[in-house]
Amino acid sequence: MKARHDTPGFGPWTTKAGLTHVAPPFRYIERMITLRVHLDDVTINNAPLLVAPGSHKLGFIPVGRVGSVVAACGREACLARSGDIWAYATPILHASDPARQPARRRILQIDYSADELPEGLDWLGVN
């Protein structure tokens, strides 16, 4: 994204590896889809993605409510074989625990949005 630190609703702004990043308002995130292309097997022992099924249907979840939402929705490990592709609604609550047995777990993650951004902001990546 181009740096426009005064764009309402966007933030926080950070710089990583020389690139400016910003979190868009939830109205953009709730319309996005994420794809994870697994280049290696992901087992229960090498930090699989953990999701709270159905949490994406609850709207924006403040940090203080994450624990109770996970308790209500449950927690599922997303295991995969090399070549598998997982697709999920971007706002689903997700995390991963540290690997019990560290192993390669390379993943190509693609976050897709069909929305245009305001005020000269651009999605970083392939357009």
N, C-alpha and C. Protein backbone atom coordinates (compact mmCIF):
# COMPACT_ATOMS: atom_id res chain seq x y z
N MET A 1 0.84 -1.18 0.00
CA MET A 1 0.00 0.00 0.00
C MET A 1 0.88 1.24 0.00
N LYS A 2 0.40 2.30 -0.61
CA LYS A 2 1.08 3.57 -0.53
C LYS A 2 0.79 4.17 0.84
N ALA A 3 1.74 4.87 1.38
CA ALA A 3 1.56 5.45 2.71
C ALA A 3 0.59 6.63 2.66
N ARG A 4 -0.51 6.51 3.37
CA ARG A 4 -1.50 7.58 3.53
C ARG A 4 -1.98 7.50 4.97
N HIS A 5 -1.13 7.89 5.89
CA HIS A 5 -1.39 7.71 7.31
C HIS A 5 -2.64 8.42 7.82
N ASP A 6 -3.23 9.27 7.01
CA ASP A 6 -4.41 10.01 7.46
C ASP A 6 -5.71 9.42 6.93
N THR A 7 -5.67 8.22 6.34
CA THR A 7 -6.88 7.60 5.79
C THR A 7 -7.73 7.08 6.95
N PRO A 8 -8.95 7.61 7.13
CA PRO A 8 -9.80 7.21 8.27
C PRO A 8 -10.10 5.71 8.29
N GLY A 9 -10.00 5.12 9.48
CA GLY A 9 -10.34 3.71 9.67
C GLY A 9 -9.21 2.74 9.38
N PHE A 10 -8.13 3.21 8.77
CA PHE A 10 -7.00 2.34 8.46
C PHE A 10 -5.94 2.48 9.54
N GLY A 11 -5.44 1.35 10.06
CA GLY A 11 -4.40 1.40 11.06
C GLY A 11 -4.37 0.12 11.86
N PRO A 12 -3.31 -0.13 12.56
CA PRO A 12 -2.12 0.71 12.68
C PRO A 12 -1.22 0.59 11.44
N TRP A 13 -0.41 1.60 11.25
CA TRP A 13 0.55 1.63 10.15
C TRP A 13 1.89 1.10 10.67
N THR A 14 2.53 0.23 9.91
CA THR A 14 3.84 -0.31 10.29
C THR A 14 4.73 -0.38 9.06
N THR A 15 6.02 -0.55 9.29
CA THR A 15 6.97 -0.77 8.20
C THR A 15 7.68 -2.07 8.48
N LYS A 16 7.63 -2.99 7.51
CA LYS A 16 8.28 -4.29 7.62
C LYS A 16 9.12 -4.51 6.38
N ALA A 17 10.40 -4.78 6.58
CA ALA A 17 11.32 -5.00 5.46
C ALA A 17 11.25 -3.86 4.45
N GLY A 18 11.09 -2.64 4.94
CA GLY A 18 11.06 -1.47 4.08
C GLY A 18 9.73 -1.22 3.38
N LEU A 19 8.72 -2.04 3.64
CA LEU A 19 7.40 -1.87 3.02
C LEU A 19 6.40 -1.38 4.06
N THR A 20 5.56 -0.44 3.65
CA THR A 20 4.54 0.09 4.54
C THR A 20 3.32 -0.83 4.51
N HIS A 21 2.82 -1.17 5.69
CA HIS A 21 1.65 -2.03 5.84
C HIS A 21 0.62 -1.30 6.70
N VAL A 22 -0.64 -1.62 6.46
CA VAL A 22 -1.71 -1.08 7.29
C VAL A 22 -2.87 -2.08 7.29
N ALA A 23 -3.54 -2.18 8.42
CA ALA A 23 -4.73 -3.02 8.50
C ALA A 23 -5.91 -2.19 7.99
N PRO A 24 -6.67 -2.75 7.04
CA PRO A 24 -7.86 -2.03 6.56
C PRO A 24 -9.00 -2.16 7.56
N PRO A 25 -10.02 -1.34 7.44
CA PRO A 25 -11.21 -1.49 8.28
C PRO A 25 -11.84 -2.87 8.07
N PHE A 26 -12.55 -3.34 9.07
CA PHE A 26 -13.13 -4.68 9.03
C PHE A 26 -14.07 -4.87 7.84
N ARG A 27 -14.70 -3.83 7.36
CA ARG A 27 -15.62 -3.97 6.21
C ARG A 27 -14.91 -4.51 4.98
N TYR A 28 -13.61 -4.32 4.87
CA TYR A 28 -12.83 -4.91 3.77
C TYR A 28 -12.48 -6.36 4.10
N ILE A 29 -12.03 -6.59 5.31
CA ILE A 29 -11.58 -7.93 5.72
C ILE A 29 -12.73 -8.94 5.66
N GLU A 30 -13.93 -8.53 6.05
CA GLU A 30 -15.06 -9.46 6.07
C GLU A 30 -15.47 -9.93 4.68
N ARG A 31 -15.01 -9.26 3.64
CA ARG A 31 -15.34 -9.65 2.26
C ARG A 31 -14.18 -10.39 1.58
N MET A 32 -13.10 -10.65 2.32
CA MET A 32 -11.92 -11.27 1.74
C MET A 32 -11.93 -12.80 1.89
N ILE A 33 -11.15 -13.44 1.03
CA ILE A 33 -10.92 -14.88 1.08
C ILE A 33 -9.41 -15.09 1.16
N THR A 34 -8.99 -16.05 1.96
CA THR A 34 -7.58 -16.40 2.06
C THR A 34 -7.37 -17.81 1.54
N LEU A 35 -6.35 -17.99 0.73
CA LEU A 35 -5.94 -19.30 0.24
C LEU A 35 -4.58 -19.61 0.83
N ARG A 36 -4.39 -20.85 1.29
CA ARG A 36 -3.09 -21.31 1.79
C ARG A 36 -2.69 -22.51 0.95
N VAL A 37 -1.63 -22.35 0.20
CA VAL A 37 -1.09 -23.43 -0.62
C VAL A 37 0.04 -24.07 0.18
N HIS A 38 -0.13 -25.34 0.51
CA HIS A 38 0.84 -26.04 1.36
C HIS A 38 1.94 -26.67 0.51
N LEU A 39 3.15 -26.21 0.73
CA LEU A 39 4.30 -26.74 0.00
C LEU A 39 4.91 -27.93 0.73
N ASP A 40 4.60 -28.07 2.00
CA ASP A 40 5.06 -29.19 2.82
C ASP A 40 3.86 -29.75 3.58
N ASP A 41 4.00 -30.96 4.08
CA ASP A 41 2.96 -31.53 4.94
C ASP A 41 2.85 -30.69 6.21
N VAL A 42 1.64 -30.56 6.72
CA VAL A 42 1.41 -29.90 8.00
C VAL A 42 0.72 -30.92 8.89
N THR A 43 1.44 -31.35 9.92
CA THR A 43 0.91 -32.35 10.85
C THR A 43 0.52 -31.66 12.15
N ILE A 44 -0.08 -32.41 13.04
CA ILE A 44 -0.46 -31.88 14.34
C ILE A 44 0.77 -31.43 15.13
N ASN A 45 1.95 -31.95 14.78
CA ASN A 45 3.17 -31.65 15.52
C ASN A 45 3.97 -30.46 15.01
N ASN A 46 3.68 -29.96 13.77
CA ASN A 46 4.49 -28.84 13.29
C ASN A 46 3.67 -27.57 13.06
N ALA A 47 2.93 -27.20 14.09
CA ALA A 47 2.23 -25.92 14.18
C ALA A 47 1.19 -25.70 13.08
N PRO A 48 0.15 -26.56 13.01
CA PRO A 48 -0.89 -26.34 12.01
C PRO A 48 -1.70 -25.08 12.33
N LEU A 49 -2.36 -24.57 11.31
CA LEU A 49 -3.29 -23.47 11.51
C LEU A 49 -4.42 -23.97 12.39
N LEU A 50 -4.78 -23.20 13.39
CA LEU A 50 -5.91 -23.52 14.27
C LEU A 50 -6.99 -22.49 14.00
N VAL A 51 -8.21 -22.95 13.79
CA VAL A 51 -9.32 -22.03 13.51
C VAL A 51 -10.45 -22.27 14.50
N ALA A 52 -11.25 -21.24 14.71
CA ALA A 52 -12.47 -21.33 15.50
C ALA A 52 -13.62 -21.38 14.50
N PRO A 53 -14.11 -22.59 14.16
CA PRO A 53 -15.14 -22.73 13.12
C PRO A 53 -16.36 -21.84 13.37
N GLY A 54 -16.77 -21.12 12.34
CA GLY A 54 -17.94 -20.26 12.42
C GLY A 54 -17.67 -18.87 12.96
N SER A 55 -16.48 -18.62 13.50
CA SER A 55 -16.21 -17.31 14.09
C SER A 55 -16.26 -16.18 13.06
N HIS A 56 -16.04 -16.49 11.80
CA HIS A 56 -16.08 -15.46 10.76
C HIS A 56 -17.49 -14.89 10.56
N LYS A 57 -18.50 -15.59 11.06
CA LYS A 57 -19.89 -15.14 10.91
C LYS A 57 -20.30 -14.18 12.03
N LEU A 58 -19.42 -13.94 12.99
CA LEU A 58 -19.76 -13.14 14.16
C LEU A 58 -19.37 -11.67 14.04
N GLY A 59 -18.81 -11.29 12.91
CA GLY A 59 -18.39 -9.90 12.74
C GLY A 59 -17.06 -9.65 13.44
N PHE A 60 -16.77 -8.37 13.65
CA PHE A 60 -15.52 -7.99 14.31
C PHE A 60 -15.53 -8.48 15.74
N ILE A 61 -14.46 -9.14 16.15
CA ILE A 61 -14.36 -9.68 17.51
C ILE A 61 -13.23 -8.95 18.23
N PRO A 62 -13.56 -8.14 19.24
CA PRO A 62 -12.52 -7.44 20.00
C PRO A 62 -11.62 -8.44 20.73
N VAL A 63 -10.38 -8.07 20.93
CA VAL A 63 -9.39 -8.94 21.57
C VAL A 63 -9.92 -9.51 22.88
N GLY A 64 -10.62 -8.72 23.66
CA GLY A 64 -11.13 -9.18 24.95
C GLY A 64 -12.18 -10.28 24.85
N ARG A 65 -12.76 -10.49 23.67
CA ARG A 65 -13.78 -11.53 23.50
C ARG A 65 -13.25 -12.78 22.80
N VAL A 66 -11.99 -12.76 22.35
CA VAL A 66 -11.46 -13.89 21.59
C VAL A 66 -11.57 -15.20 22.36
N GLY A 67 -11.17 -15.21 23.62
CA GLY A 67 -11.21 -16.43 24.43
C GLY A 67 -12.61 -17.01 24.53
N SER A 68 -13.61 -16.18 24.77
CA SER A 68 -14.98 -16.69 24.90
C SER A 68 -15.53 -17.16 23.55
N VAL A 69 -15.15 -16.51 22.46
CA VAL A 69 -15.60 -16.94 21.13
C VAL A 69 -14.97 -18.28 20.79
N VAL A 70 -13.68 -18.45 21.06
CA VAL A 70 -13.03 -19.73 20.80
C VAL A 70 -13.66 -20.83 21.66
N ALA A 71 -13.97 -20.51 22.91
CA ALA A 71 -14.63 -21.50 23.78
C ALA A 71 -15.98 -21.92 23.21
N ALA A 72 -16.72 -20.97 22.66
CA ALA A 72 -18.04 -21.27 22.10
C ALA A 72 -17.97 -21.98 20.75
N CYS A 73 -17.01 -21.59 19.90
CA CYS A 73 -16.91 -22.16 18.55
C CYS A 73 -16.08 -23.43 18.49
N GLY A 74 -15.20 -23.60 19.46
CA GLY A 74 -14.26 -24.71 19.40
C GLY A 74 -13.01 -24.32 18.64
N ARG A 75 -12.12 -25.28 18.54
CA ARG A 75 -10.83 -25.02 17.91
C ARG A 75 -10.48 -26.24 17.08
N GLU A 76 -10.20 -26.04 15.81
CA GLU A 76 -9.90 -27.16 14.92
C GLU A 76 -8.55 -26.95 14.26
N ALA A 77 -7.73 -28.01 14.23
CA ALA A 77 -6.43 -27.97 13.56
C ALA A 77 -6.61 -28.28 12.08
N CYS A 78 -6.01 -27.46 11.24
CA CYS A 78 -6.10 -27.63 9.78
C CYS A 78 -4.84 -28.36 9.30
N LEU A 79 -4.92 -29.67 9.24
CA LEU A 79 -3.80 -30.48 8.77
C LEU A 79 -3.82 -30.49 7.25
N ALA A 80 -2.66 -30.70 6.65
CA ALA A 80 -2.59 -30.68 5.19
C ALA A 80 -1.44 -31.53 4.70
N ARG A 81 -1.58 -31.98 3.46
CA ARG A 81 -0.51 -32.68 2.77
C ARG A 81 0.10 -31.70 1.77
N SER A 82 1.32 -31.92 1.41
CA SER A 82 1.97 -31.08 0.40
C SER A 82 1.09 -31.03 -0.84
N GLY A 83 0.81 -29.84 -1.33
CA GLY A 83 -0.05 -29.66 -2.49
C GLY A 83 -1.49 -29.33 -2.16
N ASP A 84 -1.91 -29.55 -0.90
CA ASP A 84 -3.27 -29.19 -0.50
C ASP A 84 -3.44 -27.68 -0.51
N ILE A 85 -4.66 -27.24 -0.77
CA ILE A 85 -5.00 -25.82 -0.72
C ILE A 85 -6.18 -25.66 0.22
N TRP A 86 -5.99 -24.83 1.22
CA TRP A 86 -7.07 -24.49 2.14
C TRP A 86 -7.61 -23.13 1.74
N ALA A 87 -8.92 -22.98 1.72
CA ALA A 87 -9.56 -21.69 1.49
C ALA A 87 -10.43 -21.39 2.70
N TYR A 88 -10.34 -20.16 3.19
CA TYR A 88 -11.17 -19.80 4.34
C TYR A 88 -11.51 -18.31 4.30
N ALA A 89 -12.57 -17.97 5.00
CA ALA A 89 -12.96 -16.56 5.14
C ALA A 89 -11.90 -15.87 5.98
N THR A 90 -11.32 -14.81 5.45
CA THR A 90 -10.20 -14.14 6.10
C THR A 90 -10.45 -13.77 7.55
N PRO A 91 -11.65 -13.29 7.94
CA PRO A 91 -11.81 -12.89 9.34
C PRO A 91 -11.98 -14.03 10.34
N ILE A 92 -11.93 -15.28 9.93
CA ILE A 92 -12.07 -16.37 10.89
C ILE A 92 -10.95 -16.25 11.93
N LEU A 93 -11.29 -16.47 13.19
CA LEU A 93 -10.25 -16.44 14.22
C LEU A 93 -9.28 -17.58 13.95
N HIS A 94 -8.00 -17.25 13.91
CA HIS A 94 -7.00 -18.27 13.62
C HIS A 94 -5.69 -17.95 14.33
N ALA A 95 -4.92 -19.00 14.56
CA ALA A 95 -3.63 -18.90 15.24
C ALA A 95 -2.89 -20.20 15.00
N SER A 96 -1.72 -20.32 15.58
CA SER A 96 -1.03 -21.61 15.60
C SER A 96 -0.18 -21.68 16.86
N ASP A 97 -0.07 -22.87 17.40
CA ASP A 97 0.78 -23.09 18.57
C ASP A 97 2.21 -23.31 18.10
N PRO A 98 3.18 -23.22 19.00
CA PRO A 98 4.55 -23.56 18.62
C PRO A 98 4.63 -25.03 18.18
N ALA A 99 5.53 -25.31 17.27
CA ALA A 99 5.70 -26.68 16.79
C ALA A 99 6.20 -27.58 17.92
N ARG A 100 5.60 -28.76 18.05
CA ARG A 100 6.07 -29.75 19.03
C ARG A 100 7.32 -30.45 18.51
N GLN A 101 7.31 -30.71 17.21
CA GLN A 101 8.46 -31.31 16.53
C GLN A 101 8.73 -30.46 15.30
N PRO A 102 9.59 -29.44 15.42
CA PRO A 102 9.82 -28.54 14.29
C PRO A 102 10.20 -29.30 13.01
N ALA A 103 9.55 -28.91 11.94
CA ALA A 103 9.80 -29.47 10.61
C ALA A 103 9.42 -28.40 9.61
N ARG A 104 9.83 -28.57 8.36
CA ARG A 104 9.48 -27.59 7.33
C ARG A 104 7.97 -27.50 7.21
N ARG A 105 7.49 -26.27 7.14
CA ARG A 105 6.06 -26.02 7.01
C ARG A 105 5.88 -24.78 6.13
N ARG A 106 6.36 -24.92 4.90
CA ARG A 106 6.29 -23.78 3.98
C ARG A 106 4.87 -23.68 3.40
N ILE A 107 4.37 -22.44 3.42
CA ILE A 107 3.01 -22.18 2.96
C ILE A 107 3.02 -20.88 2.15
N LEU A 108 2.36 -20.91 1.03
CA LEU A 108 2.14 -19.70 0.25
C LEU A 108 0.74 -19.22 0.60
N GLN A 109 0.64 -18.04 1.19
CA GLN A 109 -0.67 -17.52 1.58
C GLN A 109 -1.06 -16.39 0.64
N ILE A 110 -2.29 -16.46 0.14
CA ILE A 110 -2.81 -15.46 -0.78
C ILE A 110 -4.09 -14.91 -0.17
N ASP A 111 -4.09 -13.61 0.11
CA ASP A 111 -5.28 -12.94 0.62
C ASP A 111 -5.90 -12.19 -0.55
N TYR A 112 -7.16 -12.51 -0.87
CA TYR A 112 -7.79 -11.94 -2.04
C TYR A 112 -8.93 -11.01 -1.65
N SER A 113 -8.94 -9.84 -2.28
CA SER A 113 -10.03 -8.89 -2.12
C SER A 113 -10.40 -8.33 -3.49
N ALA A 114 -11.68 -8.25 -3.77
CA ALA A 114 -12.15 -7.64 -5.01
C ALA A 114 -12.43 -6.15 -4.81
N ASP A 115 -12.29 -5.66 -3.58
CA ASP A 115 -12.59 -4.26 -3.28
C ASP A 115 -11.44 -3.34 -3.68
N GLU A 116 -11.81 -2.18 -4.19
CA GLU A 116 -10.85 -1.11 -4.41
C GLU A 116 -10.64 -0.37 -3.09
N LEU A 117 -9.45 0.15 -2.89
CA LEU A 117 -9.16 0.91 -1.68
C LEU A 117 -9.29 2.40 -1.97
N PRO A 118 -9.59 3.20 -0.95
CA PRO A 118 -9.80 4.64 -1.15
C PRO A 118 -8.49 5.44 -1.17
N GLU A 119 -8.61 6.67 -1.61
CA GLU A 119 -7.59 7.70 -1.46
C GLU A 119 -6.19 7.30 -1.89
N GLY A 120 -6.07 6.62 -3.00
CA GLY A 120 -4.74 6.29 -3.53
C GLY A 120 -4.06 5.11 -2.89
N LEU A 121 -4.73 4.39 -1.99
CA LEU A 121 -4.15 3.19 -1.40
C LEU A 121 -4.26 2.04 -2.40
N ASP A 122 -3.27 1.16 -2.38
CA ASP A 122 -3.27 0.00 -3.28
C ASP A 122 -2.99 -1.25 -2.48
N TRP A 123 -3.60 -2.37 -2.88
CA TRP A 123 -3.25 -3.67 -2.32
C TRP A 123 -1.86 -4.01 -2.79
N LEU A 124 -1.03 -4.53 -1.92
CA LEU A 124 0.32 -4.94 -2.28
C LEU A 124 0.24 -6.33 -2.88
N GLY A 125 0.84 -6.54 -4.01
CA GLY A 125 0.83 -7.85 -4.63
C GLY A 125 0.43 -7.78 -6.08
N VAL A 126 -0.09 -8.87 -6.56
CA VAL A 126 -0.50 -8.98 -7.95
C VAL A 126 -1.87 -8.34 -8.12
N ASN A 127 -1.99 -7.44 -9.04
CA ASN A 127 -3.29 -6.77 -9.30
C ASN A 127 -3.88 -7.28 -10.60
